[in-house]
């Protein structure tokens, strides 16, 4: 699940850091937090909302609704 989530985060790139020289593990806090929440049974919408809040608090990032929906779709696909 971790590998799939990491790929999803980099494909979606919610914060827009791809190609800016950030390390491959830059999203790992959110990857691991998402995995934990999904494995505990939280639904993909709740987990995506947590990710957005996390990025807003930690990075001051403004994550678009479209990016949040892409996260929901990825989480749903990964947890099937």
PDB file of N, CA and C in Angstrom:
ATOM      1  N   UNK A   1       0.827  -1.194   0.000  1.00  0.00           N
ATOM      2  CA  UNK A   1       0.000   0.000   0.000  1.00  0.00           C
ATOM      3  C   UNK A   1       0.873   1.260   0.000  1.00  0.00           C
ATOM      4  N   UNK A   2       1.983   1.229   0.730  1.00  0.00           N
ATOM      5  CA  UNK A   2       2.846   2.403   0.819  1.00  0.00           C
ATOM      6  C   UNK A   2       3.372   2.799  -0.558  1.00  0.00           C
ATOM      7  N   UNK A   3       3.815   1.814  -1.313  1.00  0.00           N
ATOM      8  CA  UNK A   3       4.359   2.107  -2.650  1.00  0.00           C
ATOM      9  C   UNK A   3       3.279   2.722  -3.533  1.00  0.00           C
ATOM     10  N   UNK A   4       2.090   2.143  -3.504  1.00  0.00           N
ATOM     11  CA  UNK A   4       0.989   2.666  -4.321  1.00  0.00           C
ATOM     12  C   UNK A   4       0.604   4.080  -3.895  1.00  0.00           C
ATOM     13  N   UNK A   5       0.568   4.324  -2.591  1.00  0.00           N
ATOM     14  CA  UNK A   5       0.238   5.671  -2.109  1.00  0.00           C
ATOM     15  C   UNK A   5       1.324   6.672  -2.486  1.00  0.00           C
ATOM     16  N   UNK A   6       2.584   6.273  -2.341  1.00  0.00           N
ATOM     17  CA  UNK A   6       3.675   7.185  -2.705  1.00  0.00           C
ATOM     18  C   UNK A   6       3.579   7.561  -4.184  1.00  0.00           C
ATOM     19  N   UNK A   7       3.324   6.567  -5.031  1.00  0.00           N
ATOM     20  CA  UNK A   7       3.172   6.845  -6.468  1.00  0.00           C
ATOM     21  C   UNK A   7       1.994   7.776  -6.716  1.00  0.00           C
ATOM     22  N   UNK A   8       0.899   7.553  -6.016  1.00  0.00           N
ATOM     23  CA  UNK A   8      -0.287   8.397  -6.192  1.00  0.00           C
ATOM     24  C   UNK A   8       0.011   9.841  -5.790  1.00  0.00           C
ATOM     25  N   UNK A   9       0.672  10.019  -4.659  1.00  0.00           N
ATOM     26  CA  UNK A   9       0.995  11.381  -4.224  1.00  0.00           C
ATOM     27  C   UNK A   9       1.874  12.096  -5.247  1.00  0.00           C
ATOM     28  N   UNK A  10       2.877  11.408  -5.785  1.00  0.00           N
ATOM     29  CA  UNK A  10       3.754  12.057  -6.760  1.00  0.00           C
ATOM     30  C   UNK A  10       3.047  12.276  -8.093  1.00  0.00           C
ATOM     31  N   UNK A  11       2.156  11.347  -8.475  1.00  0.00           N
ATOM     32  CA  UNK A  11       1.394  11.538  -9.720  1.00  0.00           C
ATOM     33  C   UNK A  11       0.453  12.739  -9.600  1.00  0.00           C
ATOM     34  N   UNK A  12      -0.211  12.834  -8.460  1.00  0.00           N
ATOM     35  CA  UNK A  12      -1.160  13.936  -8.231  1.00  0.00           C
ATOM     36  C   UNK A  12      -0.419  15.216  -7.866  1.00  0.00           C
ATOM     37  N   UNK A  13       0.638  15.074  -7.106  1.00  0.00           N
ATOM     38  CA  UNK A  13       1.480  16.201  -6.679  1.00  0.00           C
ATOM     39  C   UNK A  13       0.629  17.355  -6.135  1.00  0.00           C
ATOM     40  N   UNK A  14      -0.085  17.102  -5.027  1.00  0.00           N
ATOM     41  CA  UNK A  14      -1.030  18.104  -4.532  1.00  0.00           C
ATOM     42  C   UNK A  14      -0.411  19.457  -4.182  1.00  0.00           C
ATOM     43  N   UNK A  15       0.852  19.474  -3.801  1.00  0.00           N
ATOM     44  CA  UNK A  15       1.481  20.725  -3.400  1.00  0.00           C
ATOM     45  C   UNK A  15       2.229  21.375  -4.565  1.00  0.00           C
ATOM     46  N   UNK A  16       2.434  20.625  -5.642  1.00  0.00           N
ATOM     47  CA  UNK A  16       3.102  21.188  -6.810  1.00  0.00           C
ATOM     48  C   UNK A  16       4.611  21.265  -6.681  1.00  0.00           C
ATOM     49  N   UNK A  17       5.227  20.225  -6.104  1.00  0.00           N
ATOM     50  CA  UNK A  17       6.674  20.241  -5.902  1.00  0.00           C
ATOM     51  C   UNK A  17       7.432  19.346  -6.868  1.00  0.00           C
ATOM     52  N   UNK A  18       6.737  18.619  -7.695  1.00  0.00           N
ATOM     53  CA  UNK A  18       7.397  17.708  -8.628  1.00  0.00           C
ATOM     54  C   UNK A  18       8.352  18.479  -9.535  1.00  0.00           C
ATOM     55  N   UNK A  19       9.547  17.945  -9.688  1.00  0.00           N
ATOM     56  CA  UNK A  19      10.521  18.576 -10.561  1.00  0.00           C
ATOM     57  C   UNK A  19      11.283  19.714  -9.925  1.00  0.00           C
ATOM     58  N   UNK A  20      11.030  19.989  -8.635  1.00  0.00           N
ATOM     59  CA  UNK A  20      11.703  21.088  -7.953  1.00  0.00           C
ATOM     60  C   UNK A  20      12.876  20.623  -7.099  1.00  0.00           C
ATOM     61  N   UNK A  21      13.335  19.385  -7.293  1.00  0.00           N
ATOM     62  CA  UNK A  21      14.483  18.885  -6.561  1.00  0.00           C
ATOM     63  C   UNK A  21      14.180  18.375  -5.162  1.00  0.00           C
ATOM     64  N   UNK A  22      12.919  18.171  -4.854  1.00  0.00           N
ATOM     65  CA  UNK A  22      12.565  17.636  -3.547  1.00  0.00           C
ATOM     66  C   UNK A  22      12.886  16.145  -3.516  1.00  0.00           C
ATOM     67  N   UNK A  23      13.262  15.612  -2.351  1.00  0.00           N
ATOM     68  CA  UNK A  23      13.583  14.187  -2.257  1.00  0.00           C
ATOM     69  C   UNK A  23      12.353  13.313  -2.461  1.00  0.00           C
ATOM     70  N   UNK A  24      12.599  12.058  -2.855  1.00  0.00           N
ATOM     71  CA  UNK A  24      11.507  11.116  -3.125  1.00  0.00           C
ATOM     72  C   UNK A  24      10.617  10.873  -1.914  1.00  0.00           C
ATOM     73  N   UNK A  25      11.130  11.110  -0.724  1.00  0.00           N
ATOM     74  CA  UNK A  25      10.346  10.859   0.480  1.00  0.00           C
ATOM     75  C   UNK A  25       9.630  12.110   1.011  1.00  0.00           C
ATOM     76  N   UNK A  26       9.590  13.147   0.214  1.00  0.00           N
ATOM     77  CA  UNK A  26       9.013  14.418   0.674  1.00  0.00           C
ATOM     78  C   UNK A  26       7.560  14.283   1.123  1.00  0.00           C
ATOM     79  N   UNK A  27       6.789  13.428   0.474  1.00  0.00           N
ATOM     80  CA  UNK A  27       5.381  13.238   0.833  1.00  0.00           C
ATOM     81  C   UNK A  27       5.175  12.100   1.839  1.00  0.00           C
ATOM     82  N   UNK A  28       6.251  11.505   2.360  1.00  0.00           N
ATOM     83  CA  UNK A  28       6.102  10.294   3.161  1.00  0.00           C
ATOM     84  C   UNK A  28       5.303  10.484   4.445  1.00  0.00           C
ATOM     85  N   UNK A  29       5.353  11.637   5.064  1.00  0.00           N
ATOM     86  CA  UNK A  29       4.528  11.854   6.267  1.00  0.00           C
ATOM     87  C   UNK A  29       3.052  11.662   5.925  1.00  0.00           C
ATOM     88  N   UNK A  30       2.646  12.246   4.819  1.00  0.00           N
ATOM     89  CA  UNK A  30       1.254  12.133   4.408  1.00  0.00           C
ATOM     90  C   UNK A  30       0.950  10.729   3.866  1.00  0.00           C
ATOM     91  N   UNK A  31       1.915  10.114   3.189  1.00  0.00           N
ATOM     92  CA  UNK A  31       1.742   8.743   2.690  1.00  0.00           C
ATOM     93  C   UNK A  31       1.479   7.800   3.857  1.00  0.00           C
ATOM     94  N   UNK A  32       2.340   7.845   4.860  1.00  0.00           N
ATOM     95  CA  UNK A  32       2.199   6.939   6.003  1.00  0.00           C
ATOM     96  C   UNK A  32       0.950   7.256   6.824  1.00  0.00           C
ATOM     97  N   UNK A  33       0.658   8.529   6.991  1.00  0.00           N
ATOM     98  CA  UNK A  33      -0.562   8.909   7.700  1.00  0.00           C
ATOM     99  C   UNK A  33      -1.814   8.453   6.967  1.00  0.00           C
ATOM    100  N   UNK A  34      -1.796   8.563   5.646  1.00  0.00           N
ATOM    101  CA  UNK A  34      -2.936   8.115   4.841  1.00  0.00           C
ATOM    102  C   UNK A  34      -3.091   6.606   4.939  1.00  0.00           C
ATOM    103  N   UNK A  35      -1.995   5.888   4.845  1.00  0.00           N
ATOM    104  CA  UNK A  35      -2.047   4.422   4.939  1.00  0.00           C
ATOM    105  C   UNK A  35      -2.634   3.997   6.278  1.00  0.00           C
ATOM    106  N   UNK A  36      -2.162   4.599   7.343  1.00  0.00           N
ATOM    107  CA  UNK A  36      -2.659   4.270   8.677  1.00  0.00           C
ATOM    108  C   UNK A  36      -4.160   4.518   8.784  1.00  0.00           C
ATOM    109  N   UNK A  37      -4.587   5.652   8.302  1.00  0.00           N
ATOM    110  CA  UNK A  37      -6.011   6.004   8.376  1.00  0.00           C
ATOM    111  C   UNK A  37      -6.865   5.073   7.515  1.00  0.00           C
ATOM    112  N   UNK A  38      -6.393   4.778   6.316  1.00  0.00           N
ATOM    113  CA  UNK A  38      -7.150   3.879   5.434  1.00  0.00           C
ATOM    114  C   UNK A  38      -7.233   2.479   6.026  1.00  0.00           C
ATOM    115  N   UNK A  39      -6.137   1.996   6.595  1.00  0.00           N
ATOM    116  CA  UNK A  39      -6.135   0.659   7.203  1.00  0.00           C
ATOM    117  C   UNK A  39      -7.031   0.584   8.436  1.00  0.00           C
ATOM    118  N   UNK A  40      -7.237   1.719   9.087  1.00  0.00           N
ATOM    119  CA  UNK A  40      -8.138   1.770  10.249  1.00  0.00           C
ATOM    120  C   UNK A  40      -9.596   1.883   9.827  1.00  0.00           C
ATOM    121  N   UNK A  41      -9.833   2.009   8.524  1.00  0.00           N
ATOM    122  CA  UNK A  41     -11.202   2.039   8.033  1.00  0.00           C
ATOM    123  C   UNK A  41     -11.769   3.409   7.728  1.00  0.00           C
ATOM    124  N   UNK A  42     -10.957   4.460   7.832  1.00  0.00           N
ATOM    125  CA  UNK A  42     -11.471   5.775   7.442  1.00  0.00           C
ATOM    126  C   UNK A  42     -11.754   5.769   5.947  1.00  0.00           C
ATOM    127  N   UNK A  43     -12.803   6.464   5.549  1.00  0.00           N
ATOM    128  CA  UNK A  43     -13.129   6.472   4.126  1.00  0.00           C
ATOM    129  C   UNK A  43     -12.199   7.432   3.370  1.00  0.00           C
ATOM    130  N   UNK A  44     -12.058   7.207   2.069  1.00  0.00           N
ATOM    131  CA  UNK A  44     -11.141   8.033   1.273  1.00  0.00           C
ATOM    132  C   UNK A  44     -11.409   9.533   1.348  1.00  0.00           C
ATOM    133  N   UNK A  45     -12.668   9.934   1.471  1.00  0.00           N
ATOM    134  CA  UNK A  45     -12.983  11.366   1.590  1.00  0.00           C
ATOM    135  C   UNK A  45     -12.396  11.962   2.863  1.00  0.00           C
ATOM    136  N   UNK A  46     -12.521  11.234   3.965  1.00  0.00           N
ATOM    137  CA  UNK A  46     -11.984  11.705   5.240  1.00  0.00           C
ATOM    138  C   UNK A  46     -10.459  11.799   5.196  1.00  0.00           C
ATOM    139  N   UNK A  47      -9.846  10.800   4.586  1.00  0.00           N
ATOM    140  CA  UNK A  47      -8.386  10.778   4.512  1.00  0.00           C
ATOM    141  C   UNK A  47      -7.883  11.919   3.629  1.00  0.00           C
ATOM    142  N   UNK A  48      -8.538  12.145   2.511  1.00  0.00           N
ATOM    143  CA  UNK A  48      -8.144  13.253   1.637  1.00  0.00           C
ATOM    144  C   UNK A  48      -8.310  14.596   2.347  1.00  0.00           C
ATOM    145  N   UNK A  49      -9.368  14.739   3.121  1.00  0.00           N
ATOM    146  CA  UNK A  49      -9.570  15.978   3.889  1.00  0.00           C
ATOM    147  C   UNK A  49      -8.448  16.148   4.909  1.00  0.00           C
ATOM    148  N   UNK A  50      -8.020  15.062   5.553  1.00  0.00           N
ATOM    149  CA  UNK A  50      -6.899  15.123   6.492  1.00  0.00           C
ATOM    150  C   UNK A  50      -5.621  15.567   5.772  1.00  0.00           C
ATOM    151  N   UNK A  51      -5.381  15.020   4.579  1.00  0.00           N
ATOM    152  CA  UNK A  51      -4.192  15.386   3.800  1.00  0.00           C
ATOM    153  C   UNK A  51      -4.204  16.887   3.500  1.00  0.00           C
ATOM    154  N   UNK A  52      -5.330  17.392   3.046  1.00  0.00           N
ATOM    155  CA  UNK A  52      -5.441  18.821   2.733  1.00  0.00           C
ATOM    156  C   UNK A  52      -5.166  19.663   3.977  1.00  0.00           C
ATOM    157  N   UNK A  53      -5.752  19.282   5.114  1.00  0.00           N
ATOM    158  CA  UNK A  53      -5.514  20.014   6.358  1.00  0.00           C
ATOM    159  C   UNK A  53      -4.044  19.948   6.756  1.00  0.00           C
ATOM    160  N   UNK A  54      -3.445  18.784   6.569  1.00  0.00           N
ATOM    161  CA  UNK A  54      -2.036  18.607   6.906  1.00  0.00           C
ATOM    162  C   UNK A  54      -1.149  19.531   6.081  1.00  0.00           C
ATOM    163  N   UNK A  55      -1.390  19.572   4.783  1.00  0.00           N
ATOM    164  CA  UNK A  55      -0.596  20.443   3.910  1.00  0.00           C
ATOM    165  C   UNK A  55      -0.848  21.918   4.204  1.00  0.00           C
ATOM    166  N   UNK A  56      -2.061  22.253   4.543  1.00  0.00           N
ATOM    167  CA  UNK A  56      -2.388  23.638   4.863  1.00  0.00           C
ATOM    168  C   UNK A  56      -1.649  24.078   6.123  1.00  0.00           C
ATOM    169  N   UNK A  57      -1.676  23.216   7.143  1.00  0.00           N
ATOM    170  CA  UNK A  57      -0.992  23.544   8.407  1.00  0.00           C
ATOM    171  C   UNK A  57       0.526  23.553   8.256  1.00  0.00           C
ATOM    172  N   UNK A  58       1.067  22.495   7.689  1.00  0.00           N
ATOM    173  CA  UNK A  58       2.521  22.322   7.661  1.00  0.00           C
ATOM    174  C   UNK A  58       3.215  23.161   6.592  1.00  0.00           C
ATOM    175  N   UNK A  59       2.576  23.330   5.445  1.00  0.00           N
ATOM    176  CA  UNK A  59       3.232  23.975   4.312  1.00  0.00           C
ATOM    177  C   UNK A  59       2.608  25.316   3.946  1.00  0.00           C
ATOM    178  N   UNK A  60       1.441  25.603   4.517  1.00  0.00           N
ATOM    179  CA  UNK A  60       0.728  26.810   4.113  1.00  0.00           C
ATOM    180  C   UNK A  60       0.200  26.698   2.691  1.00  0.00           C
ATOM    181  N   UNK A  61       0.054  25.456   2.227  1.00  0.00           N
ATOM    182  CA  UNK A  61      -0.364  25.204   0.843  1.00  0.00           C
ATOM    183  C   UNK A  61      -1.875  25.307   0.704  1.00  0.00           C
ATOM    184  N   UNK A  62      -2.299  25.772  -0.448  1.00  0.00           N
ATOM    185  CA  UNK A  62      -3.715  25.854  -0.795  1.00  0.00           C
ATOM    186  C   UNK A  62      -3.980  24.757  -1.820  1.00  0.00           C
ATOM    187  N   UNK A  63      -4.548  23.645  -1.365  1.00  0.00           N
ATOM    188  CA  UNK A  63      -4.785  22.486  -2.227  1.00  0.00           C
ATOM    189  C   UNK A  63      -6.148  22.650  -2.901  1.00  0.00           C
ATOM    190  N   UNK A  64      -6.169  22.536  -4.210  1.00  0.00           N
ATOM    191  CA  UNK A  64      -7.418  22.714  -4.952  1.00  0.00           C
ATOM    192  C   UNK A  64      -8.382  21.558  -4.688  1.00  0.00           C
ATOM    193  N   UNK A  65      -9.651  21.844  -4.892  1.00  0.00           N
ATOM    194  CA  UNK A  65     -10.687  20.813  -4.753  1.00  0.00           C
ATOM    195  C   UNK A  65     -10.434  19.689  -5.767  1.00  0.00           C
ATOM    196  N   UNK A  66      -9.960  20.030  -6.947  1.00  0.00           N
ATOM    197  CA  UNK A  66      -9.665  19.014  -7.967  1.00  0.00           C
ATOM    198  C   UNK A  66      -8.578  18.054  -7.492  1.00  0.00           C
ATOM    199  N   UNK A  67      -7.528  18.590  -6.858  1.00  0.00           N
ATOM    200  CA  UNK A  67      -6.462  17.734  -6.323  1.00  0.00           C
ATOM    201  C   UNK A  67      -6.995  16.854  -5.195  1.00  0.00           C
ATOM    202  N   UNK A  68      -7.867  17.414  -4.361  1.00  0.00           N
ATOM    203  CA  UNK A  68      -8.457  16.621  -3.283  1.00  0.00           C
ATOM    204  C   UNK A  68      -9.286  15.475  -3.863  1.00  0.00           C
ATOM    205  N   UNK A  69     -10.047  15.747  -4.905  1.00  0.00           N
ATOM    206  CA  UNK A  69     -10.848  14.702  -5.548  1.00  0.00           C
ATOM    207  C   UNK A  69      -9.955  13.636  -6.185  1.00  0.00           C
ATOM    208  N   UNK A  70      -8.817  14.045  -6.727  1.00  0.00           N
ATOM    209  CA  UNK A  70      -7.879  13.067  -7.284  1.00  0.00           C
ATOM    210  C   UNK A  70      -7.336  12.169  -6.176  1.00  0.00           C
ATOM    211  N   UNK A  71      -7.077  12.735  -5.015  1.00  0.00           N
ATOM    212  CA  UNK A  71      -6.632  11.926  -3.878  1.00  0.00           C
ATOM    213  C   UNK A  71      -7.715  10.936  -3.470  1.00  0.00           C
ATOM    214  N   UNK A  72      -8.962  11.388  -3.399  1.00  0.00           N
ATOM    215  CA  UNK A  72     -10.078  10.500  -3.052  1.00  0.00           C
ATOM    216  C   UNK A  72     -10.131   9.329  -4.032  1.00  0.00           C
ATOM    217  N   UNK A  73     -10.032   9.621  -5.308  1.00  0.00           N
ATOM    218  CA  UNK A  73     -10.079   8.566  -6.329  1.00  0.00           C
ATOM    219  C   UNK A  73      -8.923   7.588  -6.166  1.00  0.00           C
ATOM    220  N   UNK A  74      -7.736   8.112  -5.938  1.00  0.00           N
ATOM    221  CA  UNK A  74      -6.565   7.244  -5.756  1.00  0.00           C
ATOM    222  C   UNK A  74      -6.728   6.378  -4.512  1.00  0.00           C
ATOM    223  N   UNK A  75      -7.166   6.963  -3.401  1.00  0.00           N
ATOM    224  CA  UNK A  75      -7.353   6.194  -2.175  1.00  0.00           C
ATOM    225  C   UNK A  75      -8.407   5.109  -2.375  1.00  0.00           C
ATOM    226  N   UNK A  76      -9.476   5.430  -3.082  1.00  0.00           N
ATOM    227  CA  UNK A  76     -10.526   4.442  -3.353  1.00  0.00           C
ATOM    228  C   UNK A  76      -9.979   3.287  -4.193  1.00  0.00           C
ATOM    229  N   UNK A  77      -9.216   3.617  -5.188  1.00  0.00           N
ATOM    230  CA  UNK A  77      -8.630   2.597  -6.083  1.00  0.00           C
ATOM    231  C   UNK A  77      -7.656   1.713  -5.301  1.00  0.00           C
ATOM    232  N   UNK A  78      -6.838   2.303  -4.475  1.00  0.00           N
ATOM    233  CA  UNK A  78      -5.806   1.564  -3.734  1.00  0.00           C
ATOM    234  C   UNK A  78      -6.420   0.644  -2.680  1.00  0.00           C
ATOM    235  N   UNK A  79      -7.534   1.042  -2.103  1.00  0.00           N
ATOM    236  CA  UNK A  79      -8.132   0.243  -1.024  1.00  0.00           C
ATOM    237  C   UNK A  79      -9.150  -0.791  -1.514  1.00  0.00           C
ATOM    238  N   UNK A  80      -9.348  -0.890  -2.803  1.00  0.00           N
ATOM    239  CA  UNK A  80     -10.295  -1.896  -3.318  1.00  0.00           C
ATOM    240  C   UNK A  80      -9.779  -3.293  -3.095  1.00  0.00           C
TER     241      UNK A  80
END
